[in-house]
Amino acid sequence: MVESERGFRGTILQGEEAEELADVMPCLVQLSPDDPLTQKLFREVPGADASLGTLHLWPGNPALVIRCSLAAEELRRHLRRLLRPVDADGRRKYVRLWNPSIA
């Protein structure tokens, strides 16, 4: 879904690792107020039939929002460092950055 959005900036990883882990890797998306994805994430639809529930995605926990002044590549580099810390035995392990089901 997000890969086709105007603000899509890729995933945190790049290269072969990104391809292998594409289905579980967080994506970077630059949002602006007028983007359709921003509206889908944050805008409620006033007067909508209550049986539909909320029509925006925010209650579904689809994203972790990070507001920063970094360019996408700088943010990607920073998050990659957090993604694979070294354990007590000196091995690198992947860390799941966000799991909406337990948030």
C-alpha atoms as a PDB file:
ATOM      1  CA  MET A   1       0.000   0.000   0.000  1.00  0.00           C
ATOM      2  CA  VAL A   2       2.533   2.613   1.101  1.00  0.00           C
ATOM      3  CA  GLU A   3       5.045   1.895  -1.668  1.00  0.00           C
ATOM      4  CA  SER A   4       2.765   3.596  -4.188  1.00  0.00           C
ATOM      5  CA  GLU A   5       2.350   6.759  -2.103  1.00  0.00           C
ATOM      6  CA  ARG A   6       3.962  10.028  -3.179  1.00  0.00           C
ATOM      7  CA  GLY A   7       6.061  10.393  -0.002  1.00  0.00           C
ATOM      8  CA  PHE A   8       7.465   6.837   0.045  1.00  0.00           C
ATOM      9  CA  ARG A   9      11.211   6.952   0.786  1.00  0.00           C
ATOM     10  CA  GLY A  10      12.034   3.235   0.953  1.00  0.00           C
ATOM     11  CA  THR A  11      12.596   0.922   3.881  1.00  0.00           C
ATOM     12  CA  ILE A  12      15.101   1.236   6.694  1.00  0.00           C
ATOM     13  CA  LEU A  13      17.323  -1.399   5.088  1.00  0.00           C
ATOM     14  CA  GLN A  14      18.728  -1.343   1.583  1.00  0.00           C
ATOM     15  CA  GLY A  15      20.020  -3.931  -0.869  1.00  0.00           C
ATOM     16  CA  GLU A  16      19.592  -7.696  -0.450  1.00  0.00           C
ATOM     17  CA  GLU A  17      18.530  -7.455   3.185  1.00  0.00           C
ATOM     18  CA  ALA A  18      15.752  -5.048   2.252  1.00  0.00           C
ATOM     19  CA  GLU A  19      14.455  -7.453  -0.384  1.00  0.00           C
ATOM     20  CA  GLU A  20      14.601 -10.475   1.942  1.00  0.00           C
ATOM     21  CA  LEU A  21      12.824  -8.660   4.796  1.00  0.00           C
ATOM     22  CA  ALA A  22      10.492  -6.431   2.751  1.00  0.00           C
ATOM     23  CA  ASP A  23       7.313  -7.880   4.266  1.00  0.00           C
ATOM     24  CA  VAL A  24       8.355  -7.018   7.838  1.00  0.00           C
ATOM     25  CA  MET A  25      10.675  -4.041   7.433  1.00  0.00           C
ATOM     26  CA  PRO A  26       9.407  -0.566   8.405  1.00  0.00           C
ATOM     27  CA  CYS A  27       9.034   1.950   5.597  1.00  0.00           C
ATOM     28  CA  LEU A  28       9.931   5.610   5.638  1.00  0.00           C
ATOM     29  CA  VAL A  29       7.247   7.933   4.345  1.00  0.00           C
ATOM     30  CA  GLN A  30       7.465  11.705   4.271  1.00  0.00           C
ATOM     31  CA  LEU A  31       4.048  13.167   5.053  1.00  0.00           C
ATOM     32  CA  SER A  32       2.701  16.600   4.271  1.00  0.00           C
ATOM     33  CA  PRO A  33      -0.729  17.979   5.200  1.00  0.00           C
ATOM     34  CA  ASP A  34      -2.153  17.729   1.671  1.00  0.00           C
ATOM     35  CA  ASP A  35      -1.021  14.149   0.925  1.00  0.00           C
ATOM     36  CA  PRO A  36      -3.824  11.602   0.567  1.00  0.00           C
ATOM     37  CA  LEU A  37      -1.976   9.210   2.914  1.00  0.00           C
ATOM     38  CA  THR A  38      -1.850  11.895   5.619  1.00  0.00           C
ATOM     39  CA  GLN A  39      -5.600  12.299   5.284  1.00  0.00           C
ATOM     40  CA  LYS A  40      -6.117   8.524   5.500  1.00  0.00           C
ATOM     41  CA  LEU A  41      -4.003   8.315   8.637  1.00  0.00           C
ATOM     42  CA  PHE A  42      -5.341  11.253  10.606  1.00  0.00           C
ATOM     43  CA  ARG A  43      -8.608  12.629   9.270  1.00  0.00           C
ATOM     44  CA  GLU A  44     -11.905  11.533  10.702  1.00  0.00           C
ATOM     45  CA  VAL A  45     -14.984  11.737   8.519  1.00  0.00           C
ATOM     46  CA  PRO A  46     -17.596  13.829  10.348  1.00  0.00           C
ATOM     47  CA  GLY A  47     -21.153  12.628   9.997  1.00  0.00           C
ATOM     48  CA  ALA A  48     -20.175   9.146   8.824  1.00  0.00           C
ATOM     49  CA  ASP A  49     -22.511   6.327   9.808  1.00  0.00           C
ATOM     50  CA  ALA A  50     -21.436   5.095  13.267  1.00  0.00           C
ATOM     51  CA  SER A  51     -21.726   1.478  12.104  1.00  0.00           C
ATOM     52  CA  LEU A  52     -18.706   2.089   9.879  1.00  0.00           C
ATOM     53  CA  GLY A  53     -16.559   2.958  12.866  1.00  0.00           C
ATOM     54  CA  THR A  54     -13.840   5.458  12.229  1.00  0.00           C
ATOM     55  CA  LEU A  55     -12.834   5.772   8.622  1.00  0.00           C
ATOM     56  CA  HIS A  56      -9.282   6.853   9.246  1.00  0.00           C
ATOM     57  CA  LEU A  57      -6.369   4.481   9.920  1.00  0.00           C
ATOM     58  CA  TRP A  58      -5.113   5.959  13.203  1.00  0.00           C
ATOM     59  CA  PRO A  59      -7.075   3.561  15.492  1.00  0.00           C
ATOM     60  CA  GLY A  60      -5.613   0.603  13.563  1.00  0.00           C
ATOM     61  CA  ASN A  61      -2.047   1.482  14.663  1.00  0.00           C
ATOM     62  CA  PRO A  62      -0.605   1.326  11.147  1.00  0.00           C
ATOM     63  CA  ALA A  63       2.392   3.503  11.874  1.00  0.00           C
ATOM     64  CA  LEU A  64       4.934   4.880  14.252  1.00  0.00           C
ATOM     65  CA  VAL A  65       5.188   8.589  13.549  1.00  0.00           C
ATOM     66  CA  ILE A  66       8.564  10.242  13.969  1.00  0.00           C
ATOM     67  CA  ARG A  67       8.706  13.983  13.536  1.00  0.00           C
ATOM     68  CA  CYS A  68      12.216  15.235  12.875  1.00  0.00           C
ATOM     69  CA  SER A  69      14.256  17.618  10.787  1.00  0.00           C
ATOM     70  CA  LEU A  70      16.518  14.897   9.349  1.00  0.00           C
ATOM     71  CA  ALA A  71      16.504  14.082   5.663  1.00  0.00           C
ATOM     72  CA  ALA A  72      15.173  10.602   4.851  1.00  0.00           C
ATOM     73  CA  GLU A  73      18.666   9.157   4.300  1.00  0.00           C
ATOM     74  CA  GLU A  74      19.946  10.506   7.635  1.00  0.00           C
ATOM     75  CA  LEU A  75      16.912   9.117   9.469  1.00  0.00           C
ATOM     76  CA  ARG A  76      17.370   5.754   7.713  1.00  0.00           C
ATOM     77  CA  ARG A  77      21.015   5.610   8.855  1.00  0.00           C
ATOM     78  CA  HIS A  78      20.059   6.468  12.432  1.00  0.00           C
ATOM     79  CA  LEU A  79      17.280   3.867  12.599  1.00  0.00           C
ATOM     80  CA  ARG A  80      19.517   1.182  11.045  1.00  0.00           C
ATOM     81  CA  ARG A  81      21.948   1.607  13.936  1.00  0.00           C
ATOM     82  CA  LEU A  82      19.079   0.918  16.359  1.00  0.00           C
ATOM     83  CA  LEU A  83      17.806  -2.001  14.307  1.00  0.00           C
ATOM     84  CA  ARG A  84      20.796  -4.344  14.745  1.00  0.00           C
ATOM     85  CA  PRO A  85      22.413  -3.935  18.153  1.00  0.00           C
ATOM     86  CA  VAL A  86      25.176  -6.248  19.330  1.00  0.00           C
ATOM     87  CA  ASP A  87      24.142  -8.778  21.986  1.00  0.00           C
ATOM     88  CA  ALA A  88      26.248  -9.882  24.982  1.00  0.00           C
ATOM     89  CA  ASP A  89      28.035 -12.485  22.822  1.00  0.00           C
ATOM     90  CA  GLY A  90      28.995  -9.931  20.179  1.00  0.00           C
ATOM     91  CA  ARG A  91      26.407 -11.099  17.624  1.00  0.00           C
ATOM     92  CA  ARG A  92      24.176  -8.668  15.766  1.00  0.00           C
ATOM     93  CA  LYS A  93      20.456  -9.289  16.157  1.00  0.00           C
ATOM     94  CA  TYR A  94      17.448  -7.614  14.582  1.00  0.00           C
ATOM     95  CA  VAL A  95      15.143  -5.676  16.881  1.00  0.00           C
ATOM     96  CA  ARG A  96      11.489  -5.262  16.060  1.00  0.00           C
ATOM     97  CA  LEU A  97      11.016  -1.493  16.241  1.00  0.00           C
ATOM     98  CA  TRP A  98       7.244  -1.460  16.433  1.00  0.00           C
ATOM     99  CA  ASN A  99       4.558  -4.033  17.063  1.00  0.00           C
ATOM    100  CA  PRO A 100       1.104  -2.441  17.113  1.00  0.00           C
ATOM    101  CA  SER A 101      -0.484  -5.556  18.604  1.00  0.00           C
ATOM    102  CA  ILE A 102       1.360  -5.018  21.906  1.00  0.00           C
ATOM    103  CA  ALA A 103       1.621  -1.222  21.934  1.00  0.00           C
END
